[in-house]
Amino acid sequence: MDLYEHEGKGLWREYGIPTPAGLIISKTELGLSPVPKDWHGYVVKAQVLSGNRARQQLISIVDTAERAQEASLLIVERGQHMPELEHVLIEQQITFTKELYVSISYSTQSNTPLLLMSVDGGTGIEQSTEGLHRYPIDPLVGLHEASIRQVGYSAHLTSAEIKTLVPIIMKLWRCFQERD
């Protein structure tokens, strides 16, 4: 399933997976839609189905609503060669202590769902062999909390981090089963 980031986050919200506050703005509405002024930082992202948005300068982090508006205009200008760029996502910047990459996708090698986890995160992480922990999920058995904890410990997460992560990944698994 190919989704724009804002579409994926919409699905996550339906399943109770936490996401930052945000708004999606059509490129024809840029500068016209109000952006909340009370956020403590803004992340502005082009909505395209390709990776490497940061390298293409299609993501900006700014500190005011006015700069978020300016950044969205600049991002659309930078992405003018991309016909699919029709929307910009403006999100409230969040404060975090650790970045973690987690995904559930189909493995073409094992023909089963695959849980991926890494504390490194970033673009192209799926192709990495270092620091990426893979857990094949038996479709007949499903994903269980004990398996998530096992992967979390192998990724060197603390017990407290794993305790926070388990219910989120279980919701992600339910979303994957029902929607993919």
C-alpha atoms as a PDB file:
ATOM      1  CA  MET A   1       0.000   0.000   0.000  1.00  0.00           C
ATOM      2  CA  ASP A   2       1.487   3.346  -1.040  1.00  0.00           C
ATOM      3  CA  LEU A   3       0.348   6.232   1.123  1.00  0.00           C
ATOM      4  CA  TYR A   4       1.421   9.811   1.542  1.00  0.00           C
ATOM      5  CA  GLU A   5       2.707  10.512   5.029  1.00  0.00           C
ATOM      6  CA  HIS A   6      -0.442  12.393   6.034  1.00  0.00           C
ATOM      7  CA  GLU A   7      -2.619   9.494   4.827  1.00  0.00           C
ATOM      8  CA  GLY A   8      -0.579   6.996   6.835  1.00  0.00           C
ATOM      9  CA  LYS A   9      -0.782   9.141   9.940  1.00  0.00           C
ATOM     10  CA  GLY A  10      -4.544   9.398   9.435  1.00  0.00           C
ATOM     11  CA  LEU A  11      -4.715   5.601   9.561  1.00  0.00           C
ATOM     12  CA  TRP A  12      -2.532   5.552  12.662  1.00  0.00           C
ATOM     13  CA  ARG A  13      -4.843   7.985  14.429  1.00  0.00           C
ATOM     14  CA  GLU A  14      -7.794   5.677  13.642  1.00  0.00           C
ATOM     15  CA  TYR A  15      -5.941   2.920  15.506  1.00  0.00           C
ATOM     16  CA  GLY A  16      -4.931   5.115  18.454  1.00  0.00           C
ATOM     17  CA  ILE A  17      -1.255   5.415  17.471  1.00  0.00           C
ATOM     18  CA  PRO A  18       0.093   8.782  18.650  1.00  0.00           C
ATOM     19  CA  THR A  19       1.047  11.299  15.964  1.00  0.00           C
ATOM     20  CA  PRO A  20       2.039  14.972  16.160  1.00  0.00           C
ATOM     21  CA  ALA A  21      -0.640  17.601  15.659  1.00  0.00           C
ATOM     22  CA  GLY A  22      -0.644  18.749  12.069  1.00  0.00           C
ATOM     23  CA  LEU A  23      -2.520  20.047   9.095  1.00  0.00           C
ATOM     24  CA  ILE A  24      -2.412  19.219   5.426  1.00  0.00           C
ATOM     25  CA  ILE A  25      -2.529  22.139   2.998  1.00  0.00           C
ATOM     26  CA  SER A  26      -3.125  21.969  -0.725  1.00  0.00           C
ATOM     27  CA  LYS A  27      -0.456  23.808  -2.708  1.00  0.00           C
ATOM     28  CA  THR A  28      -3.212  26.052  -4.097  1.00  0.00           C
ATOM     29  CA  GLU A  29      -4.155  27.071  -0.524  1.00  0.00           C
ATOM     30  CA  LEU A  30      -0.613  27.841   0.699  1.00  0.00           C
ATOM     31  CA  GLY A  31      -0.483  31.170   2.464  1.00  0.00           C
ATOM     32  CA  LEU A  32      -4.271  31.190   2.853  1.00  0.00           C
ATOM     33  CA  SER A  33      -4.773  28.459   5.457  1.00  0.00           C
ATOM     34  CA  PRO A  34      -4.139  29.495   9.056  1.00  0.00           C
ATOM     35  CA  VAL A  35      -1.275  27.747  10.837  1.00  0.00           C
ATOM     36  CA  PRO A  36      -1.525  27.484  14.656  1.00  0.00           C
ATOM     37  CA  LYS A  37       0.709  30.112  16.257  1.00  0.00           C
ATOM     38  CA  ASP A  38       1.052  28.417  19.656  1.00  0.00           C
ATOM     39  CA  TRP A  39       3.208  25.458  18.633  1.00  0.00           C
ATOM     40  CA  HIS A  40       6.825  25.357  19.821  1.00  0.00           C
ATOM     41  CA  GLY A  41       8.351  24.571  16.461  1.00  0.00           C
ATOM     42  CA  TYR A  42       7.068  23.411  13.093  1.00  0.00           C
ATOM     43  CA  VAL A  43       8.061  20.663  10.673  1.00  0.00           C
ATOM     44  CA  VAL A  44       7.046  21.327   7.072  1.00  0.00           C
ATOM     45  CA  LYS A  45       7.095  18.363   4.685  1.00  0.00           C
ATOM     46  CA  ALA A  46       6.332  17.895   0.997  1.00  0.00           C
ATOM     47  CA  GLN A  47       3.829  15.107   0.470  1.00  0.00           C
ATOM     48  CA  VAL A  48       5.373  12.930  -2.224  1.00  0.00           C
ATOM     49  CA  LEU A  49       5.653   9.166  -2.558  1.00  0.00           C
ATOM     50  CA  SER A  50       9.433   9.176  -2.899  1.00  0.00           C
ATOM     51  CA  GLY A  51      12.031   8.874  -0.189  1.00  0.00           C
ATOM     52  CA  ASN A  52      14.963  11.152   0.478  1.00  0.00           C
ATOM     53  CA  ARG A  53      12.828  14.258   1.023  1.00  0.00           C
ATOM     54  CA  ALA A  54      15.410  15.704   3.403  1.00  0.00           C
ATOM     55  CA  ARG A  55      18.191  15.360   0.820  1.00  0.00           C
ATOM     56  CA  GLN A  56      15.964  17.046  -1.753  1.00  0.00           C
ATOM     57  CA  GLN A  57      15.322  19.902   0.709  1.00  0.00           C
ATOM     58  CA  LEU A  58      11.623  19.057   0.840  1.00  0.00           C
ATOM     59  CA  ILE A  59      11.497  19.089   4.666  1.00  0.00           C
ATOM     60  CA  SER A  60      12.059  22.180   6.799  1.00  0.00           C
ATOM     61  CA  ILE A  61      12.118  22.719  10.557  1.00  0.00           C
ATOM     62  CA  VAL A  62      11.230  26.261  11.594  1.00  0.00           C
ATOM     63  CA  ASP A  63      10.315  28.088  14.767  1.00  0.00           C
ATOM     64  CA  THR A  64       7.261  30.240  13.908  1.00  0.00           C
ATOM     65  CA  ALA A  65       3.959  29.901  12.057  1.00  0.00           C
ATOM     66  CA  GLU A  66       5.041  32.644   9.647  1.00  0.00           C
ATOM     67  CA  ARG A  67       8.234  30.787   8.798  1.00  0.00           C
ATOM     68  CA  ALA A  68       6.210  27.582   8.345  1.00  0.00           C
ATOM     69  CA  GLN A  69       4.114  29.388   5.727  1.00  0.00           C
ATOM     70  CA  GLU A  70       7.279  30.641   3.999  1.00  0.00           C
ATOM     71  CA  ALA A  71       8.888  27.187   4.151  1.00  0.00           C
ATOM     72  CA  SER A  72       5.831  25.558   2.595  1.00  0.00           C
ATOM     73  CA  LEU A  73       5.995  27.944  -0.372  1.00  0.00           C
ATOM     74  CA  LEU A  74       9.728  27.303  -0.777  1.00  0.00           C
ATOM     75  CA  ILE A  75       9.240  23.524  -0.589  1.00  0.00           C
ATOM     76  CA  VAL A  76       6.607  23.610  -3.339  1.00  0.00           C
ATOM     77  CA  GLU A  77       8.975  25.717  -5.447  1.00  0.00           C
ATOM     78  CA  ARG A  78      11.829  23.224  -4.883  1.00  0.00           C
ATOM     79  CA  GLY A  79       9.527  20.332  -5.784  1.00  0.00           C
ATOM     80  CA  GLN A  80       8.025  21.902  -8.886  1.00  0.00           C
ATOM     81  CA  HIS A  81       9.607  19.115 -10.986  1.00  0.00           C
ATOM     82  CA  MET A  82       7.468  16.587  -9.067  1.00  0.00           C
ATOM     83  CA  PRO A  83       3.951  16.523 -10.531  1.00  0.00           C
ATOM     84  CA  GLU A  84       2.613  14.513  -7.566  1.00  0.00           C
ATOM     85  CA  LEU A  85       3.481  17.295  -5.108  1.00  0.00           C
ATOM     86  CA  GLU A  86      -0.001  18.627  -4.407  1.00  0.00           C
ATOM     87  CA  HIS A  87       0.094  19.000  -0.605  1.00  0.00           C
ATOM     88  CA  VAL A  88       2.342  20.094   2.227  1.00  0.00           C
ATOM     89  CA  LEU A  89       2.095  18.711   5.757  1.00  0.00           C
ATOM     90  CA  ILE A  90       2.793  21.164   8.582  1.00  0.00           C
ATOM     91  CA  GLU A  91       3.220  19.447  11.937  1.00  0.00           C
ATOM     92  CA  GLN A  92       3.963  20.531  15.448  1.00  0.00           C
ATOM     93  CA  GLN A  93       7.598  19.751  16.196  1.00  0.00           C
ATOM     94  CA  ILE A  94       7.877  17.256  19.013  1.00  0.00           C
ATOM     95  CA  THR A  95      10.551  16.893  21.648  1.00  0.00           C
ATOM     96  CA  PHE A  96      12.026  13.423  21.912  1.00  0.00           C
ATOM     97  CA  THR A  97      14.854  11.736  23.757  1.00  0.00           C
ATOM     98  CA  LYS A  98      15.420   8.883  21.325  1.00  0.00           C
ATOM     99  CA  GLU A  99      14.547   8.332  17.686  1.00  0.00           C
ATOM    100  CA  LEU A 100      13.435   4.851  16.736  1.00  0.00           C
ATOM    101  CA  TYR A 101      12.569   3.301  13.379  1.00  0.00           C
ATOM    102  CA  VAL A 102       9.776   0.713  13.460  1.00  0.00           C
ATOM    103  CA  SER A 103       7.901  -0.782  10.542  1.00  0.00           C
ATOM    104  CA  ILE A 104       5.825  -3.781   9.624  1.00  0.00           C
ATOM    105  CA  SER A 105       5.968  -4.766   5.982  1.00  0.00           C
ATOM    106  CA  TYR A 106       5.884  -7.861   3.799  1.00  0.00           C
ATOM    107  CA  SER A 107       9.140  -9.670   3.218  1.00  0.00           C
ATOM    108  CA  THR A 108       9.510 -10.823  -0.367  1.00  0.00           C
ATOM    109  CA  GLN A 109      12.174 -13.276   0.815  1.00  0.00           C
ATOM    110  CA  SER A 110      10.096 -15.105   3.412  1.00  0.00           C
ATOM    111  CA  ASN A 111       6.628 -14.158   2.102  1.00  0.00           C
ATOM    112  CA  THR A 112       5.619 -13.202   5.635  1.00  0.00           C
ATOM    113  CA  PRO A 113       5.077  -9.967   7.504  1.00  0.00           C
ATOM    114  CA  LEU A 114       8.299  -8.593   8.978  1.00  0.00           C
ATOM    115  CA  LEU A 115       8.791  -6.368  12.021  1.00  0.00           C
ATOM    116  CA  LEU A 116      11.790  -4.056  11.587  1.00  0.00           C
ATOM    117  CA  MET A 117      13.275  -2.011  14.419  1.00  0.00           C
ATOM    118  CA  SER A 118      16.342   0.197  14.674  1.00  0.00           C
ATOM    119  CA  VAL A 119      17.586   2.916  16.996  1.00  0.00           C
ATOM    120  CA  ASP A 120      19.435   4.383  14.011  1.00  0.00           C
ATOM    121  CA  GLY A 121      16.411   5.220  11.853  1.00  0.00           C
ATOM    122  CA  GLY A 122      16.743   7.347   8.769  1.00  0.00           C
ATOM    123  CA  THR A 123      16.468   7.086   5.030  1.00  0.00           C
ATOM    124  CA  GLY A 124      17.256   3.723   3.499  1.00  0.00           C
ATOM    125  CA  ILE A 125      17.323   1.914   6.846  1.00  0.00           C
ATOM    126  CA  GLU A 126      15.499  -1.122   5.373  1.00  0.00           C
ATOM    127  CA  GLN A 127      18.549  -1.908   3.224  1.00  0.00           C
ATOM    128  CA  SER A 128      20.941  -1.645   6.178  1.00  0.00           C
ATOM    129  CA  THR A 129      22.358  -4.718   7.848  1.00  0.00           C
ATOM    130  CA  GLU A 130      23.856  -2.928  10.853  1.00  0.00           C
ATOM    131  CA  GLY A 131      21.586  -2.064  13.736  1.00  0.00           C
ATOM    132  CA  LEU A 132      18.407  -3.180  11.959  1.00  0.00           C
ATOM    133  CA  HIS A 133      16.589  -5.909  13.853  1.00  0.00           C
ATOM    134  CA  ARG A 134      14.281  -8.096  11.783  1.00  0.00           C
ATOM    135  CA  TYR A 135      11.567 -10.308  13.202  1.00  0.00           C
ATOM    136  CA  PRO A 136       9.594 -12.469  10.757  1.00  0.00           C
ATOM    137  CA  ILE A 137       5.964 -12.760  11.851  1.00  0.00           C
ATOM    138  CA  ASP A 138       4.241 -16.082  11.301  1.00  0.00           C
ATOM    139  CA  PRO A 139       0.885 -15.080   9.773  1.00  0.00           C
ATOM    140  CA  LEU A 140      -0.825 -18.046  11.448  1.00  0.00           C
ATOM    141  CA  VAL A 141       0.453 -17.096  14.898  1.00  0.00           C
ATOM    142  CA  GLY A 142       0.579 -13.310  14.579  1.00  0.00           C
ATOM    143  CA  LEU A 143       2.645 -10.823  16.545  1.00  0.00           C
ATOM    144  CA  HIS A 144       2.746 -11.140  20.320  1.00  0.00           C
ATOM    145  CA  GLU A 145       3.950  -8.757  23.012  1.00  0.00           C
ATOM    146  CA  ALA A 146       6.727 -11.180  24.006  1.00  0.00           C
ATOM    147  CA  SER A 147       8.113 -11.027  20.450  1.00  0.00           C
ATOM    148  CA  ILE A 148       8.115  -7.229  20.510  1.00  0.00           C
ATOM    149  CA  ARG A 149       9.959  -7.253  23.831  1.00  0.00           C
ATOM    150  CA  GLN A 150      12.515  -9.698  22.381  1.00  0.00           C
ATOM    151  CA  VAL A 151      13.169  -7.410  19.396  1.00  0.00           C
ATOM    152  CA  GLY A 152      13.294  -4.371  21.706  1.00  0.00           C
ATOM    153  CA  TYR A 153      15.923  -5.957  23.928  1.00  0.00           C
ATOM    154  CA  SER A 154      17.982  -7.003  20.901  1.00  0.00           C
ATOM    155  CA  ALA A 155      17.843  -3.340  19.787  1.00  0.00           C
ATOM    156  CA  HIS A 156      19.213  -2.373  23.244  1.00  0.00           C
ATOM    157  CA  LEU A 157      16.090  -0.554  24.391  1.00  0.00           C
ATOM    158  CA  THR A 158      15.418  -0.156  28.096  1.00  0.00           C
ATOM    159  CA  SER A 159      12.551  -1.936  29.842  1.00  0.00           C
ATOM    160  CA  ALA A 160      10.734   1.395  30.187  1.00  0.00           C
ATOM    161  CA  GLU A 161      11.120   2.134  26.460  1.00  0.00           C
ATOM    162  CA  ILE A 162       9.867  -1.323  25.550  1.00  0.00           C
ATOM    163  CA  LYS A 163       6.904  -0.970  27.920  1.00  0.00           C
ATOM    164  CA  THR A 164       5.918   2.233  26.084  1.00  0.00           C
ATOM    165  CA  LEU A 165       6.516   0.724  22.662  1.00  0.00           C
ATOM    166  CA  VAL A 166       4.650  -2.594  22.997  1.00  0.00           C
ATOM    167  CA  PRO A 167       1.076  -1.200  22.882  1.00  0.00           C
ATOM    168  CA  ILE A 168       1.976   1.107  19.990  1.00  0.00           C
ATOM    169  CA  ILE A 169       3.438  -1.741  17.933  1.00  0.00           C
ATOM    170  CA  MET A 170       0.425  -3.938  18.735  1.00  0.00           C
ATOM    171  CA  LYS A 171      -1.826  -1.180  17.345  1.00  0.00           C
ATOM    172  CA  LEU A 172       0.439  -0.922  14.308  1.00  0.00           C
ATOM    173  CA  TRP A 173       0.134  -4.688  13.814  1.00  0.00           C
ATOM    174  CA  ARG A 174      -3.657  -4.479  13.992  1.00  0.00           C
ATOM    175  CA  CYS A 175      -3.622  -1.653  11.439  1.00  0.00           C
ATOM    176  CA  PHE A 176      -1.335  -3.704   9.175  1.00  0.00           C
ATOM    177  CA  GLN A 177      -3.598  -6.779   9.407  1.00  0.00           C
ATOM    178  CA  GLU A 178      -6.802  -4.890   8.754  1.00  0.00           C
ATOM    179  CA  ARG A 179      -5.638  -2.381   6.141  1.00  0.00           C
ATOM    180  CA  ASP A 180      -2.737  -3.817   4.154  1.00  0.00           C
END
